[in-house]
Amino acid sequence: MGRKVPVRALCTGKVKVEDNSARLESGSLDIRFGDRVKPGTVEAEKIIAENGVTIRNIPEPATGAEAKAKPAGLLARRPGNVTTLDARRGELDLVANEADFYDKVKVSEPGSELTCEHLKAIARTTGDVIPDLESYRARDEFPDRIAVGAGRELVRVTADRDVRLKRTLPSGEVQRATGDHAVYEVKERTLVMTADPPHRPTAVTTDSGMVGDKVTIELDTEEVLVDNGDALTRLNDFKFDKK
């Protein structure tokens, strides 16, 4: 008889899984195995977490130039921040290098929070190590490459349905933006928010606000750009927090 290999593993109850880069907790975990990730070896191809899922990254302490090659969070101002992702359901496709999270999705870390109903993260295979980073902008706080596990780096994150972003800057200023869709391009270090007509995305700071066709947040420089914008005249009527 040939050697038996795992095809599927199903865990229920208070499931906890941890490796060197992240910690996952969920009500149930379904792991499908195959040989498409690395031909000739059997590895996890798809992971489905249901009944509530929480993922926290485990950052490596880093200082100086070395820190630029370390993993950073989705909205991280500095490498080493702990990022927490909560959702009702999550699917990680390790063959396609994609992850989808559904229903009451929240990504939070010190000074930043993003909420939506569907979050999709797209990665690409790079090999075992992401090279040292060289392309940093003025504030040297946002990487244009982010490691997400061994041999992968994050390329893009999209958020859909009731998207809300809140950031607190070092100055104490609070930036808020809302829309129906958001796209975070890691290499560009931008987050672009749009809305389905007749709605328009909104950007609000402590003492001003605008609606427009598109809101672009330069994550490294903290600049907020609004295309074809109109000023909000009644900030007290702006409702950011969900009911």
Protein backbone atom coordinates (compact mmCIF):
# COMPACT_ATOMS: atom_id res chain seq x y z
CA MET A 1 0.00 0.00 0.00
CA GLY A 2 1.14 3.50 -0.78
CA ARG A 3 1.82 6.11 1.84
CA LYS A 4 -1.34 7.84 3.03
CA VAL A 5 -1.40 11.61 2.78
CA PRO A 6 -3.90 14.02 4.36
CA VAL A 7 -6.70 15.33 2.16
CA ARG A 8 -8.71 17.35 4.64
CA ALA A 9 -8.63 18.37 8.30
CA LEU A 10 -11.72 19.74 10.06
CA CYS A 11 -11.55 21.37 13.49
CA THR A 12 -14.52 22.68 15.48
CA GLY A 13 -14.97 24.45 18.78
CA LYS A 14 -12.56 27.12 19.95
CA VAL A 15 -9.90 26.62 17.29
CA LYS A 16 -6.49 28.26 17.72
CA VAL A 17 -3.65 28.02 15.21
CA GLU A 18 -0.29 29.81 15.42
CA ASP A 19 2.93 29.97 13.45
CA ASN A 20 5.90 32.34 13.47
CA SER A 21 4.02 35.14 11.71
CA ALA A 22 0.37 35.04 12.85
CA ARG A 23 -2.20 33.67 15.28
CA LEU A 24 -5.67 32.56 14.08
CA GLU A 25 -8.76 31.88 16.19
CA SER A 26 -12.15 30.74 14.86
CA GLY A 27 -15.25 28.70 15.64
CA SER A 28 -14.35 26.13 12.99
CA LEU A 29 -11.45 25.52 10.63
CA ASP A 30 -11.52 23.47 7.42
CA ILE A 31 -8.11 22.78 5.81
CA ARG A 32 -7.88 21.22 2.33
CA PHE A 33 -4.58 19.64 1.27
CA GLY A 34 -3.03 19.02 -2.15
CA ASP A 35 0.16 19.30 -4.20
CA ARG A 36 -0.58 22.45 -6.21
CA VAL A 37 1.23 24.87 -3.90
CA LYS A 38 4.54 23.04 -4.29
CA PRO A 39 4.52 20.15 -6.78
CA GLY A 40 5.70 16.92 -5.25
CA THR A 41 4.75 17.87 -1.70
CA VAL A 42 1.39 17.82 0.09
CA GLU A 43 0.58 21.16 1.70
CA ALA A 44 -2.48 23.15 2.71
CA GLU A 45 -4.16 24.60 -0.41
CA LYS A 46 -7.25 26.20 1.09
CA ILE A 47 -8.18 27.21 4.63
CA ILE A 48 -11.78 28.09 5.50
CA ALA A 49 -12.50 29.68 8.90
CA GLU A 50 -16.12 30.16 9.98
CA ASN A 51 -18.28 31.13 12.96
CA GLY A 52 -16.11 34.11 13.71
CA VAL A 53 -12.45 34.50 12.81
CA THR A 54 -9.69 36.63 14.34
CA ILE A 55 -6.17 36.88 12.91
CA ARG A 56 -3.33 38.74 14.62
CA ASN A 57 0.10 39.14 13.12
CA ILE A 58 3.16 38.46 15.26
CA PRO A 59 5.65 41.18 14.34
CA GLU A 60 9.38 40.71 14.59
CA PRO A 61 11.23 43.40 16.54
CA ALA A 62 13.45 45.30 14.15
CA THR A 63 15.59 48.41 14.25
CA GLY A 64 17.47 50.54 11.76
CA ALA A 65 17.64 49.68 8.08
CA GLU A 66 16.81 46.05 8.79
CA ALA A 67 13.30 47.08 9.87
CA LYS A 68 12.41 48.05 6.31
CA ALA A 69 12.41 44.42 5.20
CA LYS A 70 10.18 43.20 8.05
CA PRO A 71 6.46 42.52 7.75
CA ALA A 72 4.22 45.54 8.28
CA GLY A 73 0.50 45.89 8.86
CA LEU A 74 -2.22 46.72 6.37
CA LEU A 75 -2.37 50.35 7.46
CA ALA A 76 0.77 50.31 9.58
CA ARG A 77 2.63 53.54 10.27
CA ARG A 78 5.68 51.57 11.39
CA PRO A 79 6.96 48.01 11.04
CA GLY A 80 6.29 46.04 14.21
CA ASN A 81 2.69 47.13 14.75
CA VAL A 82 0.24 44.40 15.70
CA THR A 83 -2.61 44.18 13.18
CA THR A 84 -5.87 42.44 14.11
CA LEU A 85 -8.42 41.26 11.54
CA ASP A 86 -11.93 40.22 12.64
CA ALA A 87 -14.68 38.79 10.40
CA ARG A 88 -17.49 36.26 10.47
CA ARG A 89 -15.90 34.10 7.77
CA GLY A 90 -12.57 33.83 5.97
CA GLU A 91 -11.16 31.85 3.04
CA LEU A 92 -7.43 31.60 2.30
CA ASP A 93 -6.56 30.21 -1.13
CA LEU A 94 -2.85 29.39 -1.02
CA VAL A 95 -2.80 28.29 -4.66
CA ALA A 96 -4.24 31.56 -5.98
CA ASN A 97 -2.45 33.65 -3.29
CA GLU A 98 -5.75 35.27 -2.30
CA ALA A 99 -7.68 35.66 0.94
CA ASP A 100 -11.32 36.73 1.33
CA PHE A 101 -13.05 37.82 4.53
CA TYR A 102 -16.79 38.39 4.84
CA ASP A 103 -19.34 40.07 7.13
CA LYS A 104 -18.50 42.69 9.74
CA VAL A 105 -14.86 42.82 8.70
CA LYS A 106 -12.59 45.01 10.81
CA VAL A 107 -8.85 45.57 10.44
CA SER A 108 -7.36 47.49 13.35
CA GLU A 109 -3.98 48.49 14.69
CA PRO A 110 -2.66 51.39 16.77
CA GLY A 111 -4.02 54.58 15.23
CA SER A 112 -5.95 52.99 12.33
CA GLU A 113 -9.17 51.10 11.70
CA LEU A 114 -10.81 49.87 8.49
CA THR A 115 -14.27 48.28 8.41
CA CYS A 116 -16.25 46.78 5.52
CA GLU A 117 -18.38 43.77 4.58
CA HIS A 118 -15.90 42.09 2.20
CA LEU A 119 -12.13 42.33 2.28
CA LYS A 120 -9.89 40.69 -0.32
CA ALA A 121 -6.11 40.46 -0.01
CA ILE A 122 -4.01 39.55 -3.05
CA ALA A 123 -0.41 38.38 -2.71
CA ARG A 124 2.28 37.06 -5.02
CA THR A 125 5.01 34.47 -4.64
CA THR A 126 8.50 35.93 -4.24
CA GLY A 127 10.72 33.12 -3.01
CA ASP A 128 11.91 32.61 0.54
CA VAL A 129 13.05 36.15 1.32
CA ILE A 130 11.86 39.64 0.39
CA PRO A 131 14.95 41.73 -0.48
CA ASP A 132 15.98 44.78 1.50
CA LEU A 133 13.75 47.72 0.70
CA GLU A 134 15.14 50.84 -0.91
CA SER A 135 12.15 52.81 -2.15
CA TYR A 136 10.84 54.82 0.76
CA ARG A 137 9.26 58.25 0.65
CA ALA A 138 9.68 61.33 2.80
CA ARG A 139 8.63 59.96 6.18
CA ASP A 140 10.16 56.50 5.84
CA GLU A 141 7.13 54.91 7.51
CA PHE A 142 5.25 53.02 4.79
CA PRO A 143 6.95 50.15 2.97
CA ASP A 144 6.27 49.48 -0.68
CA ARG A 145 6.73 45.75 -0.02
CA ILE A 146 5.04 43.79 2.77
CA ALA A 147 5.81 40.17 3.62
CA VAL A 148 2.80 37.92 4.32
CA GLY A 149 4.24 34.59 5.31
CA ALA A 150 7.16 32.67 3.87
CA GLY A 151 7.79 33.43 0.22
CA ARG A 152 4.84 35.79 -0.32
CA GLU A 153 4.32 39.52 -0.36
CA LEU A 154 1.12 41.55 -0.30
CA VAL A 155 0.23 43.28 -3.57
CA ARG A 156 -3.25 44.72 -3.15
CA VAL A 157 -6.16 44.86 -0.70
CA THR A 158 -9.72 45.66 -1.77
CA ALA A 159 -12.64 46.47 0.52
CA ASP A 160 -16.28 46.56 -0.52
CA ARG A 161 -19.65 47.55 0.92
CA ASP A 162 -19.92 50.15 3.69
CA VAL A 163 -16.20 50.90 3.75
CA ARG A 164 -15.02 53.16 6.58
CA LEU A 165 -11.47 54.21 7.36
CA LYS A 166 -10.32 56.06 10.47
CA ARG A 167 -6.71 57.15 11.07
CA THR A 168 -5.23 59.13 13.94
CA LEU A 169 -2.06 60.95 12.89
CA PRO A 170 0.91 61.64 15.23
CA SER A 171 -0.28 65.26 15.41
CA GLY A 172 -3.57 64.08 16.91
CA GLU A 173 -5.56 64.93 13.79
CA VAL A 174 -8.19 62.32 12.93
CA GLN A 175 -8.84 61.43 9.27
CA ARG A 176 -12.07 59.66 8.31
CA ALA A 177 -13.23 58.44 4.92
CA THR A 178 -16.28 56.51 3.77
CA GLY A 179 -17.34 54.89 0.50
CA ASP A 180 -18.57 51.71 -1.15
CA HIS A 181 -15.19 50.51 -2.40
CA ALA A 182 -11.53 50.97 -1.43
CA VAL A 183 -8.31 49.76 -3.04
CA TYR A 184 -5.00 49.73 -1.17
CA GLU A 185 -2.04 49.43 -3.54
CA VAL A 186 1.00 48.41 -1.51
CA LYS A 187 3.65 49.52 -4.01
CA GLU A 188 1.98 52.91 -4.55
CA ARG A 189 1.25 53.38 -0.83
CA THR A 190 -2.17 54.76 -1.65
CA LEU A 191 -5.71 53.97 -0.61
CA VAL A 192 -8.35 55.00 -3.17
CA MET A 193 -11.99 55.14 -2.15
CA THR A 194 -14.99 55.34 -4.52
CA ALA A 195 -18.76 54.91 -4.30
CA ASP A 196 -21.61 53.62 -6.42
CA PRO A 197 -23.68 56.46 -7.96
CA PRO A 198 -25.56 58.42 -6.83
CA HIS A 199 -23.43 58.13 -3.70
CA ARG A 200 -20.00 59.75 -3.44
CA PRO A 201 -17.06 58.98 -1.16
CA THR A 202 -16.46 61.33 1.76
CA ALA A 203 -13.28 62.53 3.46
CA VAL A 204 -13.40 64.36 6.79
CA THR A 205 -10.70 65.74 9.08
CA THR A 206 -11.05 67.52 12.41
CA ASP A 207 -12.36 70.79 10.98
CA SER A 208 -13.15 70.18 7.30
CA GLY A 209 -14.80 67.68 5.00
CA MET A 210 -15.41 67.01 1.31
CA VAL A 211 -17.36 64.68 -0.95
CA GLY A 212 -16.13 63.86 -4.45
CA ASP A 213 -15.88 61.32 -7.22
CA LYS A 214 -12.77 59.73 -5.71
CA VAL A 215 -10.84 60.05 -2.45
CA THR A 216 -7.13 59.22 -2.52
CA ILE A 217 -5.14 58.93 0.71
CA GLU A 218 -1.36 59.10 0.38
CA LEU A 219 -0.53 56.85 3.31
CA ASP A 220 3.11 57.90 3.57
CA THR A 221 2.68 61.67 3.33
CA GLU A 222 -0.79 61.72 5.01
CA GLU A 223 -2.17 63.85 2.17
CA VAL A 224 -5.86 63.45 1.26
CA LEU A 225 -6.89 64.25 -2.34
CA VAL A 226 -10.53 64.56 -3.45
CA ASP A 227 -11.37 64.50 -7.17
CA ASN A 228 -14.15 66.88 -8.27
CA GLY A 229 -14.75 67.68 -4.63
CA ASP A 230 -17.46 69.70 -2.91
CA ALA A 231 -17.07 71.00 0.64
CA LEU A 232 -19.29 69.64 3.38
CA THR A 233 -20.98 72.62 4.99
CA ARG A 234 -22.47 70.76 7.97
CA LEU A 235 -19.89 68.48 9.56
CA ASN A 236 -22.24 67.80 12.46
CA ASP A 237 -24.48 65.88 10.04
CA PHE A 238 -21.66 63.57 8.96
CA LYS A 239 -22.32 60.08 10.33
CA PHE A 240 -19.20 57.94 10.48
CA ASP A 241 -19.81 55.31 13.12
CA LYS A 242 -22.14 52.47 12.20
CA LYS A 243 -25.44 52.19 13.99
